[in-house]
């Protein structure tokens, strides 16, 4: 048992082991907890490699996941949550490279370290490009193969 643990019991109870609490904030809809492995928004657990970005304003936090979902959390007193979100999202990124595909635009290739240590590659096509288009998809896959070889990942 740790002496002088100032993290409230309800915060510790909300975290799935082996996650370690880095910081937390109280919100009207529950706690927002940043751990070494994930961001907890109430009962929702988002591993860092699935968080694309966090956006702050005076009313709270909007978290955008890598699949484009948005989660809005009122958080009038965020404490150190903004710093933790920024640091953990950045630390999950191994490679971020933009590759033009054709005259209409390109794709961002992002490699992130998952919780289990595996590398997860994500493709982010420019607005207006259809990532399901077979021709664009083939160009993106070629670019991805080149990035994997280049970075050794």
Protein backbone atom coordinates (compact mmCIF):
# COMPACT_ATOMS: atom_id res chain seq x y z
CA UNK A 1 0.00 0.00 0.00
CA UNK A 2 1.28 3.45 -0.91
CA UNK A 3 1.53 6.10 1.75
CA UNK A 4 0.14 9.56 1.01
CA UNK A 5 -1.75 8.54 -2.15
CA UNK A 6 -3.87 11.60 -2.90
CA UNK A 7 -5.81 10.02 -5.74
CA UNK A 8 -9.40 9.51 -4.55
CA UNK A 9 -10.60 5.93 -4.23
CA UNK A 10 -13.34 6.44 -6.85
CA UNK A 11 -10.71 7.57 -9.39
CA UNK A 12 -8.48 4.59 -8.65
CA UNK A 13 -11.51 2.26 -8.87
CA UNK A 14 -12.44 3.61 -12.34
CA UNK A 15 -9.06 2.65 -13.81
CA UNK A 16 -8.42 -0.77 -15.32
CA UNK A 17 -5.13 -2.36 -14.18
CA UNK A 18 -2.33 -2.12 -15.20
CA UNK A 19 -3.16 1.52 -16.12
CA UNK A 20 -1.57 4.07 -13.77
CA UNK A 21 -3.29 7.39 -13.02
CA UNK A 22 -1.24 10.37 -14.19
CA UNK A 23 -3.82 13.08 -13.50
CA UNK A 24 -7.56 13.55 -13.26
CA UNK A 25 -10.22 16.25 -13.18
CA UNK A 26 -13.76 16.37 -11.85
CA UNK A 27 -16.49 17.15 -14.35
CA UNK A 28 -20.25 17.41 -13.99
CA UNK A 29 -20.60 14.06 -15.80
CA UNK A 30 -17.93 12.25 -13.80
CA UNK A 31 -14.15 12.11 -13.86
CA UNK A 32 -11.77 12.59 -16.75
CA UNK A 33 -8.71 10.50 -16.02
CA UNK A 34 -5.43 10.42 -17.92
CA UNK A 35 -3.41 7.27 -17.32
CA UNK A 36 -0.17 6.05 -18.81
CA UNK A 37 -2.14 3.87 -21.28
CA UNK A 38 -5.52 5.51 -21.88
CA UNK A 39 -7.88 8.44 -21.42
CA UNK A 40 -11.01 7.77 -19.39
CA UNK A 41 -14.05 9.91 -20.14
CA UNK A 42 -16.47 8.72 -17.49
CA UNK A 43 -16.96 5.03 -18.30
CA UNK A 44 -15.40 5.28 -21.76
CA UNK A 45 -11.77 4.15 -22.02
CA UNK A 46 -9.82 5.39 -25.06
CA UNK A 47 -6.32 3.95 -25.51
CA UNK A 48 -3.90 6.73 -26.48
CA UNK A 49 -3.16 5.28 -29.91
CA UNK A 50 -6.89 5.71 -30.72
CA UNK A 51 -6.93 9.42 -29.74
CA UNK A 52 -6.21 11.71 -32.68
CA UNK A 53 -6.47 14.98 -30.77
CA UNK A 54 -8.02 16.85 -27.88
CA UNK A 55 -9.48 20.32 -28.36
CA UNK A 56 -10.06 22.64 -25.40
CA UNK A 57 -12.31 25.64 -24.95
CA UNK A 58 -13.82 27.40 -21.93
CA UNK A 59 -16.58 24.81 -21.68
CA UNK A 60 -14.54 21.64 -21.78
CA UNK A 61 -12.80 19.00 -23.82
CA UNK A 62 -13.59 17.52 -27.22
CA UNK A 63 -11.68 14.34 -28.01
CA UNK A 64 -11.48 13.21 -31.63
CA UNK A 65 -10.58 9.57 -32.17
CA UNK A 66 -8.61 8.20 -35.10
CA UNK A 67 -11.83 6.90 -36.65
CA UNK A 68 -13.35 10.41 -36.58
CA UNK A 69 -15.68 10.05 -33.59
CA UNK A 70 -16.02 13.08 -31.31
CA UNK A 71 -16.57 12.90 -27.57
CA UNK A 72 -17.49 16.15 -25.80
CA UNK A 73 -16.93 16.41 -22.04
CA UNK A 74 -17.81 19.49 -19.97
CA UNK A 75 -14.76 20.23 -17.84
CA UNK A 76 -14.77 23.70 -16.27
CA UNK A 77 -11.58 23.05 -14.25
CA UNK A 78 -9.35 20.77 -16.36
CA UNK A 79 -6.31 20.84 -14.08
CA UNK A 80 -3.40 19.08 -15.81
CA UNK A 81 -5.59 17.05 -18.20
CA UNK A 82 -4.75 19.23 -21.27
CA UNK A 83 -1.00 18.73 -20.76
CA UNK A 84 -1.41 14.99 -20.22
CA UNK A 85 -3.59 14.55 -23.33
CA UNK A 86 -1.10 16.44 -25.50
CA UNK A 87 1.93 14.57 -24.14
CA UNK A 88 0.36 11.10 -24.33
CA UNK A 89 -1.05 11.56 -27.85
CA UNK A 90 2.29 12.85 -29.14
CA UNK A 91 4.18 10.04 -27.41
CA UNK A 92 2.01 7.42 -29.14
CA UNK A 93 3.06 8.66 -32.60
CA UNK A 94 6.13 7.00 -34.10
CA UNK A 95 5.81 8.32 -37.68
CA UNK A 96 3.63 10.97 -39.28
CA UNK A 97 4.29 11.56 -42.96
CA UNK A 98 2.20 13.29 -45.62
CA UNK A 99 2.36 11.80 -49.13
CA UNK A 100 0.77 13.46 -52.18
CA UNK A 101 -1.18 10.88 -54.22
CA UNK A 102 -2.41 12.82 -57.24
CA UNK A 103 -3.43 16.35 -58.25
CA UNK A 104 -6.47 16.20 -55.94
CA UNK A 105 -4.57 15.57 -52.72
CA UNK A 106 -2.79 13.04 -50.61
CA UNK A 107 -2.75 10.89 -47.52
CA UNK A 108 -1.22 11.19 -44.06
CA UNK A 109 0.50 7.99 -42.94
CA UNK A 110 0.66 7.68 -39.17
CA UNK A 111 2.28 4.88 -37.18
CA UNK A 112 1.30 4.64 -33.53
CA UNK A 113 2.43 2.36 -30.73
CA UNK A 114 -0.53 0.41 -29.34
CA UNK A 115 -0.88 -0.71 -25.73
CA UNK A 116 0.47 -4.17 -26.50
CA UNK A 117 3.57 -2.71 -28.19
CA UNK A 118 2.37 -3.43 -31.71
CA UNK A 119 2.63 -0.73 -34.37
CA UNK A 120 -0.69 0.38 -35.85
CA UNK A 121 -0.65 2.27 -39.16
CA UNK A 122 -3.44 4.69 -39.98
CA UNK A 123 -4.24 6.35 -43.30
CA UNK A 124 -5.83 9.80 -43.30
CA UNK A 125 -6.99 10.86 -46.76
CA UNK A 126 -7.40 14.55 -47.59
CA UNK A 127 -10.94 15.93 -47.51
CA UNK A 128 -12.66 15.22 -50.78
CA UNK A 129 -10.69 12.04 -51.48
CA UNK A 130 -12.50 8.71 -51.25
CA UNK A 131 -10.32 6.31 -49.26
CA UNK A 132 -12.36 3.43 -50.68
CA UNK A 133 -11.50 4.31 -54.29
CA UNK A 134 -9.41 1.32 -55.50
CA UNK A 135 -6.94 3.49 -57.44
CA UNK A 136 -6.30 5.89 -54.55
CA UNK A 137 -6.19 3.01 -52.11
CA UNK A 138 -3.51 1.28 -54.21
CA UNK A 139 -1.42 4.48 -54.31
CA UNK A 140 -1.80 4.89 -50.54
CA UNK A 141 -0.79 1.27 -49.93
CA UNK A 142 2.33 1.77 -52.08
CA UNK A 143 3.20 4.89 -50.08
CA UNK A 144 2.62 2.96 -46.86
CA UNK A 145 4.93 0.13 -47.98
CA UNK A 146 7.61 2.70 -48.82
CA UNK A 147 7.23 4.36 -45.40
CA UNK A 148 7.45 1.00 -43.62
CA UNK A 149 10.68 0.16 -45.44
CA UNK A 150 12.10 3.64 -44.99
CA UNK A 151 11.43 3.78 -41.23
CA UNK A 152 11.98 0.08 -40.57
CA UNK A 153 8.59 -0.31 -38.96
